[in-house]
Amino acid sequence: MNKEKSFEEMIDELENIANSLEKDELTLDESVLKFEEGMRLSKECSNILDNAEKRIKILINENDEIHEEDFSANE
């Protein structure tokens, strides 16, 4: 079963990667792999935040009523 990680799970994983890199206990190859994984997770988290920001901006105030318009992340 391939479950997508939540934003919070990815942030926790990023923290673990940062901690392991700070300990200086990894080989150069292991450090590079951890760094690459951290960069991938960072980009995924950034995309999630960008999409959330777009969804929030779509909320429009018309005649003192708030409504949400359809949003597609593939725009």
N, C-alpha and C. Protein backbone atom coordinates (compact mmCIF):
# COMPACT_ATOMS: atom_id res chain seq x y z
N MET A 1 0.85 -1.19 0.00
CA MET A 1 0.00 0.00 0.00
C MET A 1 0.89 1.24 0.00
N ASN A 2 0.73 2.11 -0.99
CA ASN A 2 1.57 3.30 -1.14
C ASN A 2 0.79 4.53 -0.70
N LYS A 3 0.87 4.84 0.59
CA LYS A 3 0.14 5.97 1.16
C LYS A 3 1.00 7.23 1.06
N GLU A 4 0.40 8.32 0.57
CA GLU A 4 1.14 9.58 0.53
C GLU A 4 1.33 10.11 1.94
N LYS A 5 2.48 10.69 2.17
CA LYS A 5 2.77 11.26 3.48
C LYS A 5 2.07 12.59 3.64
N SER A 6 1.66 12.87 4.87
CA SER A 6 1.05 14.17 5.16
C SER A 6 2.15 15.23 5.23
N PHE A 7 1.73 16.48 5.16
CA PHE A 7 2.66 17.60 5.29
C PHE A 7 3.45 17.48 6.59
N GLU A 8 2.74 17.18 7.67
CA GLU A 8 3.38 17.08 8.98
C GLU A 8 4.39 15.94 9.03
N GLU A 9 4.07 14.81 8.39
CA GLU A 9 5.01 13.69 8.34
C GLU A 9 6.27 14.07 7.56
N MET A 10 6.09 14.81 6.47
CA MET A 10 7.24 15.24 5.68
C MET A 10 8.11 16.21 6.46
N ILE A 11 7.50 17.12 7.22
CA ILE A 11 8.25 18.06 8.05
C ILE A 11 9.05 17.30 9.11
N ASP A 12 8.41 16.31 9.74
CA ASP A 12 9.12 15.49 10.74
C ASP A 12 10.31 14.78 10.10
N GLU A 13 10.11 14.25 8.90
CA GLU A 13 11.20 13.56 8.21
C GLU A 13 12.34 14.53 7.87
N LEU A 14 11.98 15.75 7.46
CA LEU A 14 13.00 16.77 7.19
C LEU A 14 13.81 17.07 8.45
N GLU A 15 13.13 17.17 9.59
CA GLU A 15 13.83 17.43 10.85
C GLU A 15 14.78 16.29 11.18
N ASN A 16 14.34 15.05 10.95
CA ASN A 16 15.20 13.89 11.21
C ASN A 16 16.42 13.90 10.30
N ILE A 17 16.21 14.26 9.04
CA ILE A 17 17.33 14.33 8.09
C ILE A 17 18.32 15.40 8.54
N ALA A 18 17.81 16.57 8.91
CA ALA A 18 18.69 17.67 9.36
C ALA A 18 19.48 17.23 10.59
N ASN A 19 18.81 16.57 11.52
CA ASN A 19 19.50 16.11 12.74
C ASN A 19 20.60 15.10 12.41
N SER A 20 20.30 14.17 11.49
CA SER A 20 21.32 13.17 11.16
C SER A 20 22.50 13.80 10.42
N LEU A 21 22.24 14.82 9.61
CA LEU A 21 23.33 15.51 8.91
C LEU A 21 24.20 16.32 9.88
N GLU A 22 23.57 16.86 10.91
CA GLU A 22 24.31 17.66 11.89
C GLU A 22 25.22 16.82 12.77
N LYS A 23 24.91 15.53 12.93
CA LYS A 23 25.68 14.66 13.82
C LYS A 23 27.04 14.28 13.25
N ASP A 24 27.25 14.46 11.96
CA ASP A 24 28.54 14.11 11.32
C ASP A 24 28.90 12.63 11.49
N GLU A 25 27.90 11.76 11.56
CA GLU A 25 28.16 10.32 11.71
C GLU A 25 27.96 9.57 10.40
N LEU A 26 27.60 10.26 9.33
CA LEU A 26 27.32 9.63 8.05
C LEU A 26 28.54 9.72 7.14
N THR A 27 28.63 8.76 6.23
CA THR A 27 29.66 8.86 5.20
C THR A 27 29.26 9.96 4.24
N LEU A 28 30.18 10.33 3.39
CA LEU A 28 29.89 11.36 2.38
C LEU A 28 28.73 10.92 1.50
N ASP A 29 28.75 9.67 1.04
CA ASP A 29 27.67 9.18 0.18
C ASP A 29 26.33 9.20 0.90
N GLU A 30 26.32 8.77 2.17
CA GLU A 30 25.08 8.79 2.95
C GLU A 30 24.58 10.22 3.14
N SER A 31 25.51 11.13 3.39
CA SER A 31 25.14 12.54 3.57
C SER A 31 24.53 13.12 2.30
N VAL A 32 25.11 12.79 1.16
CA VAL A 32 24.58 13.29 -0.12
C VAL A 32 23.19 12.73 -0.36
N LEU A 33 22.98 11.44 -0.08
CA LEU A 33 21.65 10.83 -0.26
C LEU A 33 20.63 11.48 0.67
N LYS A 34 21.01 11.71 1.92
CA LYS A 34 20.11 12.37 2.88
C LYS A 34 19.79 13.79 2.41
N PHE A 35 20.80 14.50 1.93
CA PHE A 35 20.60 15.86 1.44
C PHE A 35 19.63 15.87 0.26
N GLU A 36 19.82 14.94 -0.68
CA GLU A 36 18.93 14.86 -1.84
C GLU A 36 17.49 14.57 -1.40
N GLU A 37 17.33 13.65 -0.46
CA GLU A 37 16.00 13.34 0.06
C GLU A 37 15.39 14.56 0.74
N GLY A 38 16.20 15.28 1.50
CA GLY A 38 15.72 16.50 2.15
C GLY A 38 15.28 17.55 1.15
N MET A 39 16.02 17.70 0.07
CA MET A 39 15.66 18.68 -0.96
C MET A 39 14.34 18.28 -1.63
N ARG A 40 14.16 16.97 -1.89
CA ARG A 40 12.92 16.49 -2.49
C ARG A 40 11.73 16.76 -1.56
N LEU A 41 11.90 16.44 -0.28
CA LEU A 41 10.83 16.69 0.69
C LEU A 41 10.54 18.17 0.83
N SER A 42 11.59 18.99 0.83
CA SER A 42 11.42 20.43 0.93
C SER A 42 10.60 20.97 -0.24
N LYS A 43 10.88 20.47 -1.43
CA LYS A 43 10.13 20.91 -2.61
C LYS A 43 8.66 20.48 -2.52
N GLU A 44 8.43 19.25 -2.07
CA GLU A 44 7.05 18.77 -1.91
C GLU A 44 6.29 19.63 -0.89
N CYS A 45 6.94 19.95 0.22
CA CYS A 45 6.31 20.79 1.25
C CYS A 45 6.02 22.18 0.70
N SER A 46 6.95 22.72 -0.05
CA SER A 46 6.76 24.03 -0.66
C SER A 46 5.57 24.02 -1.62
N ASN A 47 5.44 22.96 -2.41
CA ASN A 47 4.30 22.85 -3.33
C ASN A 47 2.98 22.78 -2.57
N ILE A 48 2.96 22.03 -1.47
CA ILE A 48 1.75 21.95 -0.65
C ILE A 48 1.37 23.32 -0.12
N LEU A 49 2.37 24.06 0.38
CA LEU A 49 2.10 25.40 0.91
C LEU A 49 1.63 26.36 -0.19
N ASP A 50 2.24 26.27 -1.37
CA ASP A 50 1.83 27.12 -2.49
C ASP A 50 0.38 26.84 -2.87
N ASN A 51 0.01 25.57 -2.93
CA ASN A 51 -1.37 25.22 -3.27
C ASN A 51 -2.35 25.69 -2.20
N ALA A 52 -1.96 25.58 -0.94
CA ALA A 52 -2.82 26.06 0.15
C ALA A 52 -3.00 27.57 0.05
N GLU A 53 -1.93 28.28 -0.29
CA GLU A 53 -2.01 29.74 -0.43
C GLU A 53 -2.95 30.11 -1.58
N LYS A 54 -2.86 29.38 -2.69
CA LYS A 54 -3.75 29.65 -3.82
C LYS A 54 -5.20 29.41 -3.44
N ARG A 55 -5.45 28.33 -2.70
CA ARG A 55 -6.83 28.03 -2.28
C ARG A 55 -7.37 29.14 -1.39
N ILE A 56 -6.52 29.66 -0.51
CA ILE A 56 -6.96 30.73 0.39
C ILE A 56 -7.27 32.00 -0.40
N LYS A 57 -6.43 32.31 -1.40
CA LYS A 57 -6.65 33.51 -2.20
C LYS A 57 -7.93 33.44 -3.03
N ILE A 58 -8.39 32.22 -3.31
CA ILE A 58 -9.60 32.05 -4.11
C ILE A 58 -10.84 32.46 -3.32
N LEU A 59 -10.73 32.44 -2.00
CA LEU A 59 -11.87 32.89 -1.20
C LEU A 59 -12.11 34.37 -1.50
N ILE A 60 -13.29 34.68 -1.95
CA ILE A 60 -13.60 36.04 -2.38
C ILE A 60 -14.75 36.59 -1.56
N ASN A 61 -14.62 37.86 -1.20
CA ASN A 61 -15.66 38.52 -0.43
C ASN A 61 -16.54 39.30 -1.41
N GLU A 62 -17.77 38.83 -1.63
CA GLU A 62 -18.72 39.52 -2.50
C GLU A 62 -19.97 39.85 -1.69
N ASN A 63 -20.32 41.12 -1.64
CA ASN A 63 -21.52 41.56 -0.93
C ASN A 63 -21.57 40.99 0.49
N ASP A 64 -20.47 41.08 1.19
CA ASP A 64 -20.34 40.60 2.56
C ASP A 64 -20.56 39.10 2.70
N GLU A 65 -20.48 38.35 1.62
CA GLU A 65 -20.58 36.89 1.68
C GLU A 65 -19.28 36.28 1.16
N ILE A 66 -18.79 35.32 1.86
CA ILE A 66 -17.58 34.62 1.44
C ILE A 66 -18.00 33.35 0.71
N HIS A 67 -17.42 33.14 -0.46
CA HIS A 67 -17.65 31.87 -1.14
C HIS A 67 -16.35 31.40 -1.77
N GLU A 68 -16.30 30.12 -2.03
CA GLU A 68 -15.08 29.54 -2.58
C GLU A 68 -15.32 29.16 -4.02
N GLU A 69 -14.38 29.57 -4.87
CA GLU A 69 -14.45 29.18 -6.28
C GLU A 69 -13.67 27.90 -6.48
N ASP A 70 -13.96 27.19 -7.57
CA ASP A 70 -13.23 25.98 -7.89
C ASP A 70 -11.77 26.30 -8.12
N PHE A 71 -10.92 25.41 -7.67
CA PHE A 71 -9.48 25.59 -7.82
C PHE A 71 -8.89 24.31 -8.36
N SER A 72 -8.02 24.45 -9.33
CA SER A 72 -7.31 23.30 -9.85
C SER A 72 -5.82 23.54 -9.65
N ALA A 73 -5.15 22.61 -9.00
CA ALA A 73 -3.71 22.74 -8.74
C ALA A 73 -2.91 22.59 -10.03
N ASN A 74 -3.56 22.21 -11.11
CA ASN A 74 -2.86 21.98 -12.37
C ASN A 74 -2.93 23.20 -13.29
N GLU A 75 -3.18 24.36 -12.74
CA GLU A 75 -3.29 25.57 -13.57
C GLU A 75 -1.97 25.98 -14.11
